[in-house]
Amino acid sequence: MGNYDALVVVSFGGPEQPGDVMPFLENVVRGRGVPRARLLEVEAHYQRFGGVSPINGQCRDLVAALRPTLDVPVYWGNRNWHPFLTDTVRQMAADGVRRAAAFVTAAYAGYSSCRQYLDDIAAAVAAVEGAPEIVKLRHYHDHPGFISAMTDHTRRALDDLPPGHRETARLVFTAHSVPVSMARTAGPSGGEYEAQLRATAGLVAEAVGRAGEWDLVWQSRSGPPQVPWLEPDVCDHLTDLSGAGVEAAVLVPIGFVSDHMEVVYDLDVEAADRAKELGMHLTRAATAGVHSRFVRMVGELMAEPEPTGCAAGCCPRPVRPAAPPE
């Protein structure tokens, strides 16, 4: 476990009952000037699923899966909802933890997927007297544990297609869209969010025997229409594939390591509805979740040499506030 005496899983957080939804969303977008109408639209997505995001339950499952594999205690804290990271750090300090590794449930470089979590960790540590030192583990987009998990899930999704369509199905890898300006500043030299996602997609596609037969598209775009975000959108891309004669596709949400509302609504509802309208066969691969190889990866990351940290100015806060993920 390297020089760590604990692990803390750091995640986005999500509501767990209908009354949590709007307070959660308000917390996510605080200070970002998001219109009330947009919050009400996103709230409806959550209420469609009983006001419950799947992410907290999946974090509990991950923590439970990790505990038997590690010889240090495992904690869990969120950015936007209970258990809040500051409260978790306070408990860690009370338990005598001195130096912990942080495993963030986001695999890639970028402001929302890396820098913002670093800022959250620093703020939580600063707010707690006697807080432990917390070291964020490195990006793991190309780690064999993550690739193996997504490879297995992609194979299963291919197998779920009708037999006559498995060999010709198009692999469509998806990730959360971000403003183009944010994508350009991701990583020390820029562009790393998209580059890492393409690397992950290529590795998974090759592992399932579909090298060169895949696309990377984007989902969950939000924000003012005049602000450019990464494109194409997944639903638009399915329409284009159908127009080109593609009859089956597999959605592979490599941008997420556990299910968020973006996965269950934007893919399992909106994209699925679009495919049905087009007469296209569509399946969706599971996120990494608690796949045994993904779980084992966390201990392997902890055993690596300590990360060197991000370069000064890497993945800066966007000049224009980004709209909330759903």
C-alpha atoms as a PDB file:
ATOM      1  CA  MET A   1       0.000   0.000   0.000  1.00  0.00           C
ATOM      2  CA  GLY A   2       2.969   2.299  -0.392  1.00  0.00           C
ATOM      3  CA  ASN A   3       3.320   4.909   2.353  1.00  0.00           C
ATOM      4  CA  TYR A   4      -0.403   5.288   2.991  1.00  0.00           C
ATOM      5  CA  ASP A   5      -2.314   4.350   6.109  1.00  0.00           C
ATOM      6  CA  ALA A   6      -5.777   4.757   4.556  1.00  0.00           C
ATOM      7  CA  LEU A   7      -7.632   5.109   1.270  1.00  0.00           C
ATOM      8  CA  VAL A   8     -10.431   7.589   0.610  1.00  0.00           C
ATOM      9  CA  VAL A   9     -12.714   7.128  -2.386  1.00  0.00           C
ATOM     10  CA  VAL A  10     -13.679  10.581  -3.654  1.00  0.00           C
ATOM     11  CA  SER A  11     -16.722  10.868  -5.891  1.00  0.00           C
ATOM     12  CA  PHE A  12     -19.273  13.294  -7.302  1.00  0.00           C
ATOM     13  CA  GLY A  13     -22.213  12.365  -5.101  1.00  0.00           C
ATOM     14  CA  GLY A  14     -25.897  12.220  -5.897  1.00  0.00           C
ATOM     15  CA  PRO A  15     -29.380  12.408  -4.372  1.00  0.00           C
ATOM     16  CA  GLU A  16     -30.903   9.368  -2.720  1.00  0.00           C
ATOM     17  CA  GLN A  17     -34.534  10.461  -2.330  1.00  0.00           C
ATOM     18  CA  PRO A  18     -36.861  12.860  -4.159  1.00  0.00           C
ATOM     19  CA  GLY A  19     -36.440  15.663  -1.631  1.00  0.00           C
ATOM     20  CA  ASP A  20     -32.660  15.608  -2.112  1.00  0.00           C
ATOM     21  CA  VAL A  21     -32.727  16.383  -5.819  1.00  0.00           C
ATOM     22  CA  MET A  22     -33.096  20.155  -5.959  1.00  0.00           C
ATOM     23  CA  PRO A  23     -30.804  20.856  -2.963  1.00  0.00           C
ATOM     24  CA  PHE A  24     -28.211  18.599  -4.590  1.00  0.00           C
ATOM     25  CA  LEU A  25     -28.482  20.382  -7.936  1.00  0.00           C
ATOM     26  CA  GLU A  26     -28.304  23.788  -6.268  1.00  0.00           C
ATOM     27  CA  ASN A  27     -25.145  22.669  -4.514  1.00  0.00           C
ATOM     28  CA  VAL A  28     -23.605  21.474  -7.782  1.00  0.00           C
ATOM     29  CA  VAL A  29     -24.219  24.759  -9.606  1.00  0.00           C
ATOM     30  CA  ARG A  30     -23.708  27.227  -6.758  1.00  0.00           C
ATOM     31  CA  GLY A  31     -22.079  30.406  -8.087  1.00  0.00           C
ATOM     32  CA  ARG A  32     -22.305  29.343 -11.729  1.00  0.00           C
ATOM     33  CA  GLY A  33     -25.361  31.301 -12.856  1.00  0.00           C
ATOM     34  CA  VAL A  34     -27.298  28.307 -14.177  1.00  0.00           C
ATOM     35  CA  PRO A  35     -30.922  29.246 -15.035  1.00  0.00           C
ATOM     36  CA  ARG A  36     -33.650  27.851 -12.819  1.00  0.00           C
ATOM     37  CA  ALA A  37     -35.363  26.378 -15.877  1.00  0.00           C
ATOM     38  CA  ARG A  38     -32.320  24.195 -16.523  1.00  0.00           C
ATOM     39  CA  LEU A  39     -32.326  22.930 -12.940  1.00  0.00           C
ATOM     40  CA  LEU A  40     -35.997  22.010 -13.227  1.00  0.00           C
ATOM     41  CA  GLU A  41     -35.292  20.136 -16.465  1.00  0.00           C
ATOM     42  CA  VAL A  42     -32.499  18.122 -14.860  1.00  0.00           C
ATOM     43  CA  GLU A  43     -34.569  17.555 -11.710  1.00  0.00           C
ATOM     44  CA  ALA A  44     -37.176  15.854 -13.874  1.00  0.00           C
ATOM     45  CA  HIS A  45     -34.551  13.394 -15.077  1.00  0.00           C
ATOM     46  CA  TYR A  46     -33.813  12.368 -11.494  1.00  0.00           C
ATOM     47  CA  GLN A  47     -37.482  12.208 -10.497  1.00  0.00           C
ATOM     48  CA  ARG A  48     -38.101   9.832 -13.393  1.00  0.00           C
ATOM     49  CA  PHE A  49     -35.894   7.392 -11.453  1.00  0.00           C
ATOM     50  CA  GLY A  50     -37.501   8.031  -8.081  1.00  0.00           C
ATOM     51  CA  GLY A  51     -35.200  10.918  -7.176  1.00  0.00           C
ATOM     52  CA  VAL A  52     -32.273   8.554  -6.758  1.00  0.00           C
ATOM     53  CA  SER A  53     -28.953   8.683  -8.572  1.00  0.00           C
ATOM     54  CA  PRO A  54     -27.221   5.312  -8.882  1.00  0.00           C
ATOM     55  CA  ILE A  55     -23.807   6.772  -8.034  1.00  0.00           C
ATOM     56  CA  ASN A  56     -23.924   6.657  -4.226  1.00  0.00           C
ATOM     57  CA  GLY A  57     -25.051   3.038  -4.203  1.00  0.00           C
ATOM     58  CA  GLN A  58     -22.278   2.143  -6.613  1.00  0.00           C
ATOM     59  CA  CYS A  59     -19.734   3.945  -4.425  1.00  0.00           C
ATOM     60  CA  ARG A  60     -20.892   1.910  -1.432  1.00  0.00           C
ATOM     61  CA  ASP A  61     -20.469  -1.247  -3.492  1.00  0.00           C
ATOM     62  CA  LEU A  62     -16.960  -0.162  -4.526  1.00  0.00           C
ATOM     63  CA  VAL A  63     -15.937   0.582  -0.927  1.00  0.00           C
ATOM     64  CA  ALA A  64     -17.297  -2.805   0.185  1.00  0.00           C
ATOM     65  CA  ALA A  65     -15.392  -4.536  -2.624  1.00  0.00           C
ATOM     66  CA  LEU A  66     -12.154  -2.693  -1.823  1.00  0.00           C
ATOM     67  CA  ARG A  67     -12.035  -3.378   1.914  1.00  0.00           C
ATOM     68  CA  PRO A  68     -11.155  -7.095   1.692  1.00  0.00           C
ATOM     69  CA  THR A  69      -8.412  -6.366  -0.865  1.00  0.00           C
ATOM     70  CA  LEU A  70      -6.523  -3.697   1.114  1.00  0.00           C
ATOM     71  CA  ASP A  71      -4.722  -3.753   4.446  1.00  0.00           C
ATOM     72  CA  VAL A  72      -5.696  -0.161   5.283  1.00  0.00           C
ATOM     73  CA  PRO A  73      -9.099   1.336   6.186  1.00  0.00           C
ATOM     74  CA  VAL A  74     -11.242   2.620   3.320  1.00  0.00           C
ATOM     75  CA  TYR A  75     -13.265   5.838   3.572  1.00  0.00           C
ATOM     76  CA  TRP A  76     -15.617   7.583   1.160  1.00  0.00           C
ATOM     77  CA  GLY A  77     -16.448  11.258   0.633  1.00  0.00           C
ATOM     78  CA  ASN A  78     -18.293  13.218  -2.061  1.00  0.00           C
ATOM     79  CA  ARG A  79     -17.944  16.585  -3.718  1.00  0.00           C
ATOM     80  CA  ASN A  80     -21.630  17.464  -3.899  1.00  0.00           C
ATOM     81  CA  TRP A  81     -23.704  15.357  -1.512  1.00  0.00           C
ATOM     82  CA  HIS A  82     -23.580  13.267   1.649  1.00  0.00           C
ATOM     83  CA  PRO A  83     -21.193  11.967   2.789  1.00  0.00           C
ATOM     84  CA  PHE A  84     -19.368  15.241   2.075  1.00  0.00           C
ATOM     85  CA  LEU A  85     -15.606  14.978   1.737  1.00  0.00           C
ATOM     86  CA  THR A  86     -14.908  17.457   4.552  1.00  0.00           C
ATOM     87  CA  ASP A  87     -16.954  15.348   6.969  1.00  0.00           C
ATOM     88  CA  THR A  88     -15.066  12.255   5.855  1.00  0.00           C
ATOM     89  CA  VAL A  89     -11.690  13.956   6.353  1.00  0.00           C
ATOM     90  CA  ARG A  90     -12.818  15.004   9.827  1.00  0.00           C
ATOM     91  CA  GLN A  91     -13.575  11.357  10.629  1.00  0.00           C
ATOM     92  CA  MET A  92     -10.212  10.288   9.222  1.00  0.00           C
ATOM     93  CA  ALA A  93      -8.443  12.802  11.456  1.00  0.00           C
ATOM     94  CA  ALA A  94     -10.383  11.550  14.500  1.00  0.00           C
ATOM     95  CA  ASP A  95      -9.350   7.984  13.614  1.00  0.00           C
ATOM     96  CA  GLY A  96      -5.685   8.980  13.578  1.00  0.00           C
ATOM     97  CA  VAL A  97      -5.094   8.699   9.838  1.00  0.00           C
ATOM     98  CA  ARG A  98      -1.893  10.553   8.957  1.00  0.00           C
ATOM     99  CA  ARG A  99      -1.412   9.960   5.239  1.00  0.00           C
ATOM    100  CA  ALA A 100      -4.065   8.699   2.818  1.00  0.00           C
ATOM    101  CA  ALA A 101      -4.354   7.937  -0.869  1.00  0.00           C
ATOM    102  CA  ALA A 102      -7.348   9.372  -2.717  1.00  0.00           C
ATOM    103  CA  PHE A 103      -8.956   7.308  -5.453  1.00  0.00           C
ATOM    104  CA  VAL A 104     -11.150   9.588  -7.537  1.00  0.00           C
ATOM    105  CA  THR A 105     -13.993   8.080  -9.559  1.00  0.00           C
ATOM    106  CA  ALA A 106     -12.865   9.926 -12.686  1.00  0.00           C
ATOM    107  CA  ALA A 107     -10.098   8.437 -14.788  1.00  0.00           C
ATOM    108  CA  TYR A 108      -9.000  11.353 -16.967  1.00  0.00           C
ATOM    109  CA  ALA A 109      -7.211  14.696 -17.054  1.00  0.00           C
ATOM    110  CA  GLY A 110      -9.255  17.885 -17.164  1.00  0.00           C
ATOM    111  CA  TYR A 111     -10.768  20.537 -14.957  1.00  0.00           C
ATOM    112  CA  SER A 112     -13.948  18.663 -13.939  1.00  0.00           C
ATOM    113  CA  SER A 113     -12.340  15.224 -13.857  1.00  0.00           C
ATOM    114  CA  CYS A 114      -9.077  16.083 -12.066  1.00  0.00           C
ATOM    115  CA  ARG A 115      -8.333  19.684 -11.088  1.00  0.00           C
ATOM    116  CA  GLN A 116     -11.665  20.245  -9.361  1.00  0.00           C
ATOM    117  CA  TYR A 117     -11.148  17.106  -7.262  1.00  0.00           C
ATOM    118  CA  LEU A 118      -7.665  18.286  -6.287  1.00  0.00           C
ATOM    119  CA  ASP A 119      -9.197  21.572  -5.200  1.00  0.00           C
ATOM    120  CA  ASP A 120     -11.900  19.748  -3.221  1.00  0.00           C
ATOM    121  CA  ILE A 121      -9.306  17.636  -1.436  1.00  0.00           C
ATOM    122  CA  ALA A 122      -7.201  20.690  -0.593  1.00  0.00           C
ATOM    123  CA  ALA A 123     -10.243  22.568   0.716  1.00  0.00           C
ATOM    124  CA  ALA A 124     -11.332  19.648   2.898  1.00  0.00           C
ATOM    125  CA  VAL A 125      -7.848  19.249   4.350  1.00  0.00           C
ATOM    126  CA  ALA A 126      -7.625  22.998   5.067  1.00  0.00           C
ATOM    127  CA  ALA A 127     -10.992  22.933   6.835  1.00  0.00           C
ATOM    128  CA  VAL A 128     -10.123  20.160   9.303  1.00  0.00           C
ATOM    129  CA  GLU A 129      -7.675  20.630  12.159  1.00  0.00           C
ATOM    130  CA  GLY A 130      -5.196  17.775  12.229  1.00  0.00           C
ATOM    131  CA  ALA A 131      -6.291  16.531   8.818  1.00  0.00           C
ATOM    132  CA  PRO A 132      -4.172  13.841   7.202  1.00  0.00           C
ATOM    133  CA  GLU A 133      -2.088  14.465   4.116  1.00  0.00           C
ATOM    134  CA  ILE A 134      -4.089  13.203   1.136  1.00  0.00           C
ATOM    135  CA  VAL A 135      -2.399  12.246  -2.138  1.00  0.00           C
ATOM    136  CA  LYS A 136      -4.572  11.847  -5.235  1.00  0.00           C
ATOM    137  CA  LEU A 137      -3.654   8.739  -7.200  1.00  0.00           C
ATOM    138  CA  ARG A 138      -2.743   9.140 -10.860  1.00  0.00           C
ATOM    139  CA  HIS A 139      -5.005   9.074 -13.905  1.00  0.00           C
ATOM    140  CA  TYR A 140      -5.800   5.471 -14.731  1.00  0.00           C
ATOM    141  CA  HIS A 141      -7.430   5.733 -18.154  1.00  0.00           C
ATOM    142  CA  ASP A 142      -4.978   3.231 -19.667  1.00  0.00           C
ATOM    143  CA  HIS A 143      -4.406   1.004 -16.628  1.00  0.00           C
ATOM    144  CA  PRO A 144      -4.891  -2.698 -17.489  1.00  0.00           C
ATOM    145  CA  GLY A 145      -7.439  -2.986 -14.679  1.00  0.00           C
ATOM    146  CA  PHE A 146      -9.729  -0.362 -16.178  1.00  0.00           C
ATOM    147  CA  ILE A 147      -9.194  -1.623 -19.722  1.00  0.00           C
ATOM    148  CA  SER A 148      -9.900  -5.229 -18.703  1.00  0.00           C
ATOM    149  CA  ALA A 149     -13.135  -4.274 -16.961  1.00  0.00           C
ATOM    150  CA  MET A 150     -14.402  -2.259 -19.918  1.00  0.00           C
ATOM    151  CA  THR A 151     -13.311  -4.961 -22.348  1.00  0.00           C
ATOM    152  CA  ASP A 152     -15.337  -7.602 -20.510  1.00  0.00           C
ATOM    153  CA  HIS A 153     -18.387  -5.338 -20.328  1.00  0.00           C
ATOM    154  CA  THR A 154     -18.108  -4.477 -24.019  1.00  0.00           C
ATOM    155  CA  ARG A 155     -17.938  -8.144 -24.984  1.00  0.00           C
ATOM    156  CA  ARG A 156     -21.078  -8.833 -22.950  1.00  0.00           C
ATOM    157  CA  ALA A 157     -22.884  -5.951 -24.629  1.00  0.00           C
ATOM    158  CA  LEU A 158     -21.901  -7.309 -28.055  1.00  0.00           C
ATOM    159  CA  ASP A 159     -23.212 -10.725 -27.032  1.00  0.00           C
ATOM    160  CA  ASP A 160     -26.548  -9.144 -26.087  1.00  0.00           C
ATOM    161  CA  LEU A 161     -27.164  -8.126 -29.701  1.00  0.00           C
ATOM    162  CA  PRO A 162     -29.099 -10.436 -32.027  1.00  0.00           C
ATOM    163  CA  PRO A 163     -26.674 -13.019 -33.479  1.00  0.00           C
ATOM    164  CA  GLY A 164     -26.872 -11.642 -36.988  1.00  0.00           C
ATOM    165  CA  HIS A 165     -25.719  -8.201 -35.902  1.00  0.00           C
ATOM    166  CA  ARG A 166     -22.834  -8.882 -33.526  1.00  0.00           C
ATOM    167  CA  GLU A 167     -20.075  -8.931 -36.113  1.00  0.00           C
ATOM    168  CA  THR A 168     -21.159  -5.745 -37.868  1.00  0.00           C
ATOM    169  CA  ALA A 169     -22.165  -3.669 -34.836  1.00  0.00           C
ATOM    170  CA  ARG A 170     -20.382  -0.336 -34.477  1.00  0.00           C
ATOM    171  CA  LEU A 171     -18.641   0.418 -31.178  1.00  0.00           C
ATOM    172  CA  VAL A 172     -19.608   3.904 -30.005  1.00  0.00           C
ATOM    173  CA  PHE A 173     -17.562   5.095 -27.045  1.00  0.00           C
ATOM    174  CA  THR A 174     -19.106   7.937 -25.063  1.00  0.00           C
ATOM    175  CA  ALA A 175     -17.872  10.491 -22.557  1.00  0.00           C
ATOM    176  CA  HIS A 176     -19.237  13.628 -20.946  1.00  0.00           C
ATOM    177  CA  SER A 177     -18.909  16.568 -23.305  1.00  0.00           C
ATOM    178  CA  VAL A 178     -17.129  19.663 -21.999  1.00  0.00           C
ATOM    179  CA  PRO A 179     -16.680  23.149 -23.434  1.00  0.00           C
ATOM    180  CA  VAL A 180     -14.090  23.194 -26.210  1.00  0.00           C
ATOM    181  CA  SER A 181     -12.130  25.811 -24.264  1.00  0.00           C
ATOM    182  CA  MET A 182     -11.900  23.420 -21.307  1.00  0.00           C
ATOM    183  CA  ALA A 183     -10.840  20.524 -23.510  1.00  0.00           C
ATOM    184  CA  ARG A 184      -8.046  22.630 -24.992  1.00  0.00           C
ATOM    185  CA  THR A 185      -6.530  23.344 -21.567  1.00  0.00           C
ATOM    186  CA  ALA A 186      -6.773  19.794 -20.181  1.00  0.00           C
ATOM    187  CA  GLY A 187      -3.356  18.516 -19.114  1.00  0.00           C
ATOM    188  CA  PRO A 188       0.060  20.189 -19.081  1.00  0.00           C
ATOM    189  CA  SER A 189       0.116  20.830 -22.833  1.00  0.00           C
ATOM    190  CA  GLY A 190      -3.639  20.853 -23.470  1.00  0.00           C
ATOM    191  CA  GLY A 191      -5.993  18.433 -25.214  1.00  0.00           C
ATOM    192  CA  GLU A 192      -5.307  15.605 -22.782  1.00  0.00           C
ATOM    193  CA  TYR A 193      -8.938  14.859 -21.849  1.00  0.00           C
ATOM    194  CA  GLU A 194      -9.834  13.941 -25.409  1.00  0.00           C
ATOM    195  CA  ALA A 195      -6.473  12.278 -26.102  1.00  0.00           C
ATOM    196  CA  GLN A 196      -6.770  10.007 -23.060  1.00  0.00           C
ATOM    197  CA  LEU A 197     -10.327   9.041 -23.980  1.00  0.00           C
ATOM    198  CA  ARG A 198      -9.207   8.136 -27.500  1.00  0.00           C
ATOM    199  CA  ALA A 199      -6.396   6.049 -26.048  1.00  0.00           C
ATOM    200  CA  THR A 200      -8.836   4.179 -23.797  1.00  0.00           C
ATOM    201  CA  ALA A 201     -11.275   3.591 -26.648  1.00  0.00           C
ATOM    202  CA  GLY A 202      -8.509   2.288 -28.870  1.00  0.00           C
ATOM    203  CA  LEU A 203      -7.276  -0.161 -26.233  1.00  0.00           C
ATOM    204  CA  VAL A 204     -10.755  -1.547 -25.539  1.00  0.00           C
ATOM    205  CA  ALA A 205     -11.630  -1.794 -29.230  1.00  0.00           C
ATOM    206  CA  GLU A 206      -8.407  -3.644 -29.948  1.00  0.00           C
ATOM    207  CA  ALA A 207      -9.018  -6.032 -27.058  1.00  0.00           C
ATOM    208  CA  VAL A 208     -12.429  -7.017 -28.442  1.00  0.00           C
ATOM    209  CA  GLY A 209     -11.079  -7.389 -31.961  1.00  0.00           C
ATOM    210  CA  ARG A 210     -12.547  -4.165 -33.356  1.00  0.00           C
ATOM    211  CA  ALA A 211      -9.447  -2.027 -33.857  1.00  0.00           C
ATOM    212  CA  GLY A 212     -10.340   0.832 -36.188  1.00  0.00           C
ATOM    213  CA  GLU A 213     -14.064   0.041 -36.021  1.00  0.00           C
ATOM    214  CA  TRP A 214     -15.134   2.547 -33.417  1.00  0.00           C
ATOM    215  CA  ASP A 215     -16.121   6.141 -32.772  1.00  0.00           C
ATOM    216  CA  LEU A 216     -15.719   8.512 -29.830  1.00  0.00           C
ATOM    217  CA  VAL A 217     -18.753  10.721 -29.294  1.00  0.00           C
ATOM    218  CA  TRP A 218     -20.076  12.952 -26.538  1.00  0.00           C
ATOM    219  CA  GLN A 219     -23.079  13.075 -24.293  1.00  0.00           C
ATOM    220  CA  SER A 220     -24.752  15.257 -21.648  1.00  0.00           C
ATOM    221  CA  ARG A 221     -23.935  18.585 -23.258  1.00  0.00           C
ATOM    222  CA  SER A 222     -25.317  21.476 -21.265  1.00  0.00           C
ATOM    223  CA  GLY A 223     -24.958  25.232 -21.185  1.00  0.00           C
ATOM    224  CA  PRO A 224     -25.645  28.158 -23.499  1.00  0.00           C
ATOM    225  CA  PRO A 225     -25.904  27.194 -27.182  1.00  0.00           C
ATOM    226  CA  GLN A 226     -23.408  29.923 -28.135  1.00  0.00           C
ATOM    227  CA  VAL A 227     -20.647  28.178 -26.134  1.00  0.00           C
ATOM    228  CA  PRO A 228     -18.959  25.431 -28.246  1.00  0.00           C
ATOM    229  CA  TRP A 229     -18.794  21.997 -26.622  1.00  0.00           C
ATOM    230  CA  LEU A 230     -17.182  18.807 -27.884  1.00  0.00           C
ATOM    231  CA  GLU A 231     -19.230  17.116 -30.612  1.00  0.00           C
ATOM    232  CA  PRO A 232     -20.829  15.020 -32.070  1.00  0.00           C
ATOM    233  CA  ASP A 233     -23.621  14.244 -29.646  1.00  0.00           C
ATOM    234  CA  VAL A 234     -24.340  10.548 -29.223  1.00  0.00           C
ATOM    235  CA  CYS A 235     -27.935  10.794 -30.453  1.00  0.00           C
ATOM    236  CA  ASP A 236     -26.918  12.760 -33.536  1.00  0.00           C
ATOM    237  CA  HIS A 237     -24.207  10.207 -34.205  1.00  0.00           C
ATOM    238  CA  LEU A 238     -26.657   7.313 -34.047  1.00  0.00           C
ATOM    239  CA  THR A 239     -28.757   9.110 -36.645  1.00  0.00           C
ATOM    240  CA  ASP A 240     -25.703   9.497 -38.880  1.00  0.00           C
ATOM    241  CA  LEU A 241     -24.762   5.840 -38.468  1.00  0.00           C
ATOM    242  CA  SER A 242     -28.271   4.747 -39.401  1.00  0.00           C
ATOM    243  CA  GLY A 243     -28.129   6.953 -42.497  1.00  0.00           C
ATOM    244  CA  ALA A 244     -24.899   5.205 -43.456  1.00  0.00           C
ATOM    245  CA  GLY A 245     -26.574   1.802 -43.233  1.00  0.00           C
ATOM    246  CA  VAL A 246     -25.384   0.716 -39.770  1.00  0.00           C
ATOM    247  CA  GLU A 247     -28.043  -1.522 -38.211  1.00  0.00           C
ATOM    248  CA  ALA A 248     -26.546  -2.158 -34.747  1.00  0.00           C
ATOM    249  CA  ALA A 249     -24.341  -0.356 -32.248  1.00  0.00           C
ATOM    250  CA  VAL A 250     -22.927  -0.794 -28.768  1.00  0.00           C
ATOM    251  CA  LEU A 251     -22.605   2.227 -26.502  1.00  0.00           C
ATOM    252  CA  VAL A 252     -19.521   2.028 -24.282  1.00  0.00           C
ATOM    253  CA  PRO A 253     -19.498   4.767 -21.588  1.00  0.00           C
ATOM    254  CA  ILE A 254     -15.749   4.900 -21.019  1.00  0.00           C
ATOM    255  CA  GLY A 255     -16.012   8.435 -19.660  1.00  0.00           C
ATOM    256  CA  PHE A 256     -17.622   7.088 -16.462  1.00  0.00           C
ATOM    257  CA  VAL A 257     -16.404   4.465 -14.002  1.00  0.00           C
ATOM    258  CA  SER A 258     -19.814   4.134 -12.315  1.00  0.00           C
ATOM    259  CA  ASP A 259     -23.342   4.908 -13.380  1.00  0.00           C
ATOM    260  CA  HIS A 260     -24.395   8.558 -13.090  1.00  0.00           C
ATOM    261  CA  MET A 261     -27.712  10.078 -14.110  1.00  0.00           C
ATOM    262  CA  GLU A 262     -25.972  10.920 -17.414  1.00  0.00           C
ATOM    263  CA  VAL A 263     -25.573   7.204 -18.093  1.00  0.00           C
ATOM    264  CA  VAL A 264     -29.026   5.993 -17.093  1.00  0.00           C
ATOM    265  CA  TYR A 265     -30.912   8.927 -18.639  1.00  0.00           C
ATOM    266  CA  ASP A 266     -28.833  10.180 -21.559  1.00  0.00           C
ATOM    267  CA  LEU A 267     -27.890   6.711 -22.784  1.00  0.00           C
ATOM    268  CA  ASP A 268     -30.491   4.279 -21.443  1.00  0.00           C
ATOM    269  CA  VAL A 269     -33.409   6.628 -22.168  1.00  0.00           C
ATOM    270  CA  GLU A 270     -32.573   9.283 -24.763  1.00  0.00           C
ATOM    271  CA  ALA A 271     -30.095   7.325 -26.896  1.00  0.00           C
ATOM    272  CA  ALA A 272     -32.154   4.148 -26.593  1.00  0.00           C
ATOM    273  CA  ASP A 273     -35.256   6.036 -27.740  1.00  0.00           C
ATOM    274  CA  ARG A 274     -33.374   7.460 -30.706  1.00  0.00           C
ATOM    275  CA  ALA A 275     -32.153   3.999 -31.725  1.00  0.00           C
ATOM    276  CA  LYS A 276     -35.696   2.665 -31.490  1.00  0.00           C
ATOM    277  CA  GLU A 277     -36.942   5.470 -33.741  1.00  0.00           C
ATOM    278  CA  LEU A 278     -34.206   4.583 -36.239  1.00  0.00           C
ATOM    279  CA  GLY A 279     -34.899   0.850 -36.118  1.00  0.00           C
ATOM    280  CA  MET A 280     -31.343   0.269 -34.877  1.00  0.00           C
ATOM    281  CA  HIS A 281     -30.333  -2.537 -32.530  1.00  0.00           C
ATOM    282  CA  LEU A 282     -28.598  -0.960 -29.520  1.00  0.00           C
ATOM    283  CA  THR A 283     -27.000  -2.265 -26.343  1.00  0.00           C
ATOM    284  CA  ARG A 284     -25.033  -0.467 -23.661  1.00  0.00           C
ATOM    285  CA  ALA A 285     -21.903  -1.763 -21.938  1.00  0.00           C
ATOM    286  CA  ALA A 286     -21.780  -1.528 -18.157  1.00  0.00           C
ATOM    287  CA  THR A 287     -19.456   0.920 -16.439  1.00  0.00           C
ATOM    288  CA  ALA A 288     -16.410  -0.480 -14.623  1.00  0.00           C
ATOM    289  CA  GLY A 289     -18.277  -0.619 -11.304  1.00  0.00           C
ATOM    290  CA  VAL A 290     -16.970  -3.409  -9.090  1.00  0.00           C
ATOM    291  CA  HIS A 291     -15.419  -5.579 -11.787  1.00  0.00           C
ATOM    292  CA  SER A 292     -12.768  -7.613  -9.955  1.00  0.00           C
ATOM    293  CA  ARG A 293      -9.918  -6.372 -12.136  1.00  0.00           C
ATOM    294  CA  PHE A 294     -10.967  -2.747 -11.633  1.00  0.00           C
ATOM    295  CA  VAL A 295     -11.150  -3.229  -7.870  1.00  0.00           C
ATOM    296  CA  ARG A 296      -7.698  -4.832  -7.796  1.00  0.00           C
ATOM    297  CA  MET A 297      -6.344  -1.894  -9.802  1.00  0.00           C
ATOM    298  CA  VAL A 298      -6.821   0.484  -6.851  1.00  0.00           C
ATOM    299  CA  GLY A 299      -4.330  -1.406  -4.696  1.00  0.00           C
ATOM    300  CA  GLU A 300      -1.915  -1.514  -7.608  1.00  0.00           C
ATOM    301  CA  LEU A 301      -2.136   2.267  -7.966  1.00  0.00           C
ATOM    302  CA  MET A 302      -1.447   2.658  -4.248  1.00  0.00           C
ATOM    303  CA  ALA A 303       1.673   0.508  -4.577  1.00  0.00           C
ATOM    304  CA  GLU A 304       3.129   2.657  -7.364  1.00  0.00           C
ATOM    305  CA  PRO A 305       5.632   5.444  -6.704  1.00  0.00           C
ATOM    306  CA  GLU A 306       3.863   8.542  -5.460  1.00  0.00           C
ATOM    307  CA  PRO A 307       2.428  10.685  -8.284  1.00  0.00           C
ATOM    308  CA  THR A 308       4.489  13.761  -9.099  1.00  0.00           C
ATOM    309  CA  GLY A 309       1.435  16.007  -9.113  1.00  0.00           C
ATOM    310  CA  CYS A 310       0.076  18.367 -11.720  1.00  0.00           C
ATOM    311  CA  ALA A 311       2.043  21.146 -13.346  1.00  0.00           C
ATOM    312  CA  ALA A 312       1.308  24.699 -12.270  1.00  0.00           C
ATOM    313  CA  GLY A 313      -1.590  26.088 -14.280  1.00  0.00           C
ATOM    314  CA  CYS A 314      -2.677  22.652 -15.498  1.00  0.00           C
ATOM    315  CA  CYS A 315      -6.402  22.318 -16.239  1.00  0.00           C
ATOM    316  CA  PRO A 316      -7.346  25.817 -15.038  1.00  0.00           C
ATOM    317  CA  ARG A 317     -10.798  26.787 -13.897  1.00  0.00           C
ATOM    318  CA  PRO A 318     -12.773  27.755 -17.017  1.00  0.00           C
ATOM    319  CA  VAL A 319     -13.252  31.439 -17.649  1.00  0.00           C
ATOM    320  CA  ARG A 320     -16.924  30.866 -18.436  1.00  0.00           C
ATOM    321  CA  PRO A 321     -18.715  28.713 -15.855  1.00  0.00           C
ATOM    322  CA  ALA A 322     -19.557  25.276 -17.174  1.00  0.00           C
ATOM    323  CA  ALA A 323     -23.112  24.024 -16.898  1.00  0.00           C
ATOM    324  CA  PRO A 324     -23.727  21.166 -14.469  1.00  0.00           C
ATOM    325  CA  PRO A 325     -23.411  17.516 -15.320  1.00  0.00           C
ATOM    326  CA  GLU A 326     -26.756  15.825 -14.901  1.00  0.00           C
END
